[in-house]
Amino acid sequence: MKARTLERNTFAILFYVRNDKINKNGEVPVYMRITIYKAKVEYATGERITPHIWNQGKIKGHSASDCIASPNEYDNFLG
């Protein structure tokens, strides 16, 4: 009897900013990366944020005056 190797299902969503694409207002775009079984797809979310208030650990802006949405609010974006 052969031993079976079980594959682990992998799925991840990551939000990040592109500091190399700063506009004249000093804002950078927020991107979303979806990874499924090592295949990656990246999308621009259409949101922009000033880089110094982006908190990668919490995946959102940390200023009350900033208008970046939380990851849960991107459900509508994904359809």
N, C-alpha and C. Protein backbone atom coordinates (compact mmCIF):
# COMPACT_ATOMS: atom_id res chain seq x y z
N MET A 1 0.84 -1.17 0.00
CA MET A 1 0.00 0.00 0.00
C MET A 1 0.89 1.24 0.00
N LYS A 2 0.64 2.15 -0.93
CA LYS A 2 1.43 3.37 -1.03
C LYS A 2 0.90 4.42 -0.06
N ALA A 3 1.83 5.15 0.51
CA ALA A 3 1.43 6.26 1.38
C ALA A 3 0.98 7.43 0.51
N ARG A 4 -0.06 8.08 0.91
CA ARG A 4 -0.56 9.24 0.17
C ARG A 4 -0.04 10.52 0.80
N THR A 5 0.34 11.41 -0.04
CA THR A 5 0.75 12.73 0.43
C THR A 5 -0.44 13.67 0.27
N LEU A 6 -0.86 14.25 1.34
CA LEU A 6 -1.97 15.19 1.29
C LEU A 6 -1.43 16.58 0.98
N GLU A 7 -2.03 17.21 -0.01
CA GLU A 7 -1.65 18.57 -0.33
C GLU A 7 -2.41 19.51 0.59
N ARG A 8 -1.72 20.51 0.99
CA ARG A 8 -2.33 21.51 1.85
C ARG A 8 -2.94 22.60 0.97
N ASN A 9 -4.19 22.91 1.20
CA ASN A 9 -4.84 23.99 0.47
C ASN A 9 -4.26 25.31 0.93
N THR A 10 -3.80 26.11 -0.02
CA THR A 10 -3.25 27.40 0.35
C THR A 10 -4.01 28.49 -0.38
N PHE A 11 -4.40 29.47 0.38
CA PHE A 11 -5.12 30.63 -0.15
C PHE A 11 -4.75 31.81 0.71
N ALA A 12 -4.35 32.91 0.09
CA ALA A 12 -3.99 34.09 0.86
C ALA A 12 -4.36 35.35 0.08
N ILE A 13 -4.75 36.38 0.82
CA ILE A 13 -4.98 37.70 0.25
C ILE A 13 -4.09 38.67 1.00
N LEU A 14 -3.32 39.45 0.26
CA LEU A 14 -2.40 40.42 0.85
C LEU A 14 -2.67 41.78 0.23
N PHE A 15 -2.77 42.80 1.06
CA PHE A 15 -2.88 44.17 0.59
C PHE A 15 -1.54 44.85 0.85
N TYR A 16 -1.07 45.63 -0.12
CA TYR A 16 0.21 46.32 0.03
C TYR A 16 0.20 47.58 -0.82
N VAL A 17 1.12 48.48 -0.52
CA VAL A 17 1.24 49.72 -1.29
C VAL A 17 2.43 49.64 -2.22
N ARG A 18 2.35 50.36 -3.32
CA ARG A 18 3.45 50.43 -4.29
C ARG A 18 4.13 51.78 -4.14
N ASN A 19 5.20 51.82 -3.36
CA ASN A 19 5.92 53.07 -3.11
C ASN A 19 6.63 53.61 -4.35
N ASP A 20 6.78 52.80 -5.37
CA ASP A 20 7.44 53.26 -6.60
C ASP A 20 6.48 53.98 -7.54
N LYS A 21 5.20 54.05 -7.19
CA LYS A 21 4.20 54.68 -8.06
C LYS A 21 3.54 55.87 -7.35
N ILE A 22 4.34 56.74 -6.79
CA ILE A 22 3.82 57.90 -6.05
C ILE A 22 3.30 58.95 -7.04
N ASN A 23 2.15 59.57 -6.73
CA ASN A 23 1.60 60.60 -7.61
C ASN A 23 2.00 61.99 -7.11
N LYS A 24 1.52 63.03 -7.80
CA LYS A 24 1.93 64.40 -7.45
C LYS A 24 1.38 64.84 -6.09
N ASN A 25 0.35 64.15 -5.57
CA ASN A 25 -0.19 64.47 -4.25
C ASN A 25 0.53 63.71 -3.14
N GLY A 26 1.53 62.92 -3.50
CA GLY A 26 2.28 62.14 -2.51
C GLY A 26 1.59 60.85 -2.10
N GLU A 27 0.61 60.40 -2.88
CA GLU A 27 -0.13 59.18 -2.55
C GLU A 27 0.37 58.02 -3.40
N VAL A 28 0.26 56.83 -2.83
CA VAL A 28 0.65 55.61 -3.55
C VAL A 28 -0.57 54.69 -3.67
N PRO A 29 -0.61 53.86 -4.71
CA PRO A 29 -1.76 52.96 -4.88
C PRO A 29 -1.69 51.76 -3.94
N VAL A 30 -2.87 51.28 -3.57
CA VAL A 30 -2.98 50.07 -2.75
C VAL A 30 -3.30 48.92 -3.71
N TYR A 31 -2.51 47.87 -3.61
CA TYR A 31 -2.68 46.68 -4.45
C TYR A 31 -3.13 45.50 -3.60
N MET A 32 -3.75 44.54 -4.26
CA MET A 32 -4.18 43.31 -3.60
C MET A 32 -3.54 42.14 -4.36
N ARG A 33 -2.93 41.22 -3.62
CA ARG A 33 -2.36 40.02 -4.21
C ARG A 33 -3.13 38.81 -3.69
N ILE A 34 -3.65 38.00 -4.59
CA ILE A 34 -4.32 36.76 -4.24
C ILE A 34 -3.40 35.61 -4.63
N THR A 35 -3.13 34.72 -3.68
CA THR A 35 -2.26 33.57 -3.94
C THR A 35 -3.05 32.29 -3.67
N ILE A 36 -3.10 31.42 -4.68
CA ILE A 36 -3.75 30.12 -4.55
C ILE A 36 -2.79 29.08 -5.11
N TYR A 37 -2.38 28.13 -4.27
CA TYR A 37 -1.43 27.09 -4.70
C TYR A 37 -0.21 27.67 -5.41
N LYS A 38 0.39 28.67 -4.85
CA LYS A 38 1.60 29.32 -5.36
C LYS A 38 1.39 30.16 -6.62
N ALA A 39 0.19 30.19 -7.17
CA ALA A 39 -0.12 31.05 -8.31
C ALA A 39 -0.56 32.40 -7.76
N LYS A 40 0.06 33.48 -8.25
CA LYS A 40 -0.22 34.82 -7.73
C LYS A 40 -0.87 35.68 -8.80
N VAL A 41 -1.86 36.46 -8.37
CA VAL A 41 -2.52 37.44 -9.22
C VAL A 41 -2.57 38.74 -8.43
N GLU A 42 -2.21 39.84 -9.08
CA GLU A 42 -2.21 41.14 -8.41
C GLU A 42 -3.20 42.07 -9.09
N TYR A 43 -3.91 42.84 -8.27
CA TYR A 43 -4.89 43.81 -8.76
C TYR A 43 -4.67 45.15 -8.08
N ALA A 44 -4.86 46.23 -8.81
CA ALA A 44 -4.90 47.55 -8.21
C ALA A 44 -6.31 47.72 -7.65
N THR A 45 -6.42 48.16 -6.40
CA THR A 45 -7.74 48.29 -5.78
C THR A 45 -8.45 49.58 -6.17
N GLY A 46 -7.69 50.54 -6.70
CA GLY A 46 -8.27 51.85 -7.01
C GLY A 46 -8.17 52.81 -5.85
N GLU A 47 -7.69 52.35 -4.71
CA GLU A 47 -7.51 53.19 -3.53
C GLU A 47 -6.09 53.75 -3.53
N ARG A 48 -5.92 54.93 -2.95
CA ARG A 48 -4.60 55.55 -2.79
C ARG A 48 -4.46 56.01 -1.35
N ILE A 49 -3.22 56.07 -0.87
CA ILE A 49 -2.94 56.44 0.51
C ILE A 49 -1.56 57.09 0.57
N THR A 50 -1.36 57.95 1.55
CA THR A 50 -0.02 58.50 1.74
C THR A 50 0.83 57.43 2.42
N PRO A 51 2.05 57.19 1.93
CA PRO A 51 2.84 56.05 2.40
C PRO A 51 3.16 56.07 3.89
N HIS A 52 3.34 57.25 4.48
CA HIS A 52 3.76 57.28 5.88
C HIS A 52 2.67 56.86 6.85
N ILE A 53 1.42 56.81 6.42
CA ILE A 53 0.37 56.37 7.34
C ILE A 53 -0.09 54.94 7.07
N TRP A 54 0.50 54.27 6.08
CA TRP A 54 0.16 52.88 5.80
C TRP A 54 0.76 51.99 6.87
N ASN A 55 -0.05 51.11 7.42
CA ASN A 55 0.41 50.17 8.45
C ASN A 55 0.29 48.77 7.87
N GLN A 56 1.40 48.21 7.39
CA GLN A 56 1.36 46.90 6.75
C GLN A 56 0.95 45.81 7.73
N GLY A 57 1.29 45.96 9.01
CA GLY A 57 0.90 44.96 10.00
C GLY A 57 -0.60 44.84 10.15
N LYS A 58 -1.30 45.96 10.08
CA LYS A 58 -2.76 45.94 10.20
C LYS A 58 -3.44 46.03 8.84
N ILE A 59 -2.64 46.19 7.79
CA ILE A 59 -3.11 46.27 6.41
C ILE A 59 -4.16 47.37 6.26
N LYS A 60 -3.86 48.53 6.79
CA LYS A 60 -4.74 49.68 6.62
C LYS A 60 -4.00 50.94 7.01
N GLY A 61 -4.62 52.08 6.74
CA GLY A 61 -4.07 53.34 7.19
C GLY A 61 -4.32 53.48 8.68
N HIS A 62 -3.45 54.19 9.37
CA HIS A 62 -3.65 54.34 10.81
C HIS A 62 -4.00 55.76 11.20
N SER A 63 -4.54 56.51 10.27
CA SER A 63 -5.00 57.86 10.56
C SER A 63 -6.51 57.90 10.40
N ALA A 64 -7.19 58.52 11.33
CA ALA A 64 -8.66 58.60 11.26
C ALA A 64 -9.10 59.42 10.05
N SER A 65 -8.25 60.33 9.59
CA SER A 65 -8.63 61.16 8.45
C SER A 65 -8.40 60.46 7.12
N ASP A 66 -7.75 59.31 7.14
CA ASP A 66 -7.47 58.60 5.90
C ASP A 66 -8.68 57.77 5.49
N CYS A 67 -8.87 57.58 4.21
CA CYS A 67 -10.08 56.93 3.71
C CYS A 67 -9.84 55.53 3.17
N ILE A 68 -8.82 54.86 3.61
CA ILE A 68 -8.58 53.51 3.10
C ILE A 68 -9.52 52.53 3.81
N ALA A 69 -10.05 51.61 3.06
CA ALA A 69 -10.99 50.64 3.61
C ALA A 69 -10.24 49.48 4.25
N SER A 70 -10.90 48.79 5.14
CA SER A 70 -10.31 47.59 5.75
C SER A 70 -10.45 46.43 4.77
N PRO A 71 -9.67 45.37 4.94
CA PRO A 71 -9.77 44.23 4.02
C PRO A 71 -11.17 43.64 3.93
N ASN A 72 -11.93 43.67 5.00
CA ASN A 72 -13.29 43.12 4.96
C ASN A 72 -14.20 43.92 4.03
N GLU A 73 -13.90 45.19 3.83
CA GLU A 73 -14.73 46.02 2.95
C GLU A 73 -14.44 45.76 1.48
N TYR A 74 -13.42 44.95 1.19
CA TYR A 74 -13.11 44.63 -0.20
C TYR A 74 -13.91 43.45 -0.72
N ASP A 75 -14.83 42.91 0.09
CA ASP A 75 -15.70 41.83 -0.38
C ASP A 75 -16.47 42.26 -1.62
N ASN A 76 -16.96 43.50 -1.62
CA ASN A 76 -17.70 44.00 -2.78
C ASN A 76 -16.79 44.10 -4.00
N PHE A 77 -15.54 44.44 -3.77
CA PHE A 77 -14.58 44.55 -4.86
C PHE A 77 -14.38 43.20 -5.54
N LEU A 78 -14.35 42.15 -4.74
CA LEU A 78 -14.13 40.81 -5.29
C LEU A 78 -15.37 40.24 -5.96
N GLY A 79 -16.53 40.85 -5.70
CA GLY A 79 -17.74 40.44 -6.38
C GLY A 79 -18.47 39.38 -5.68
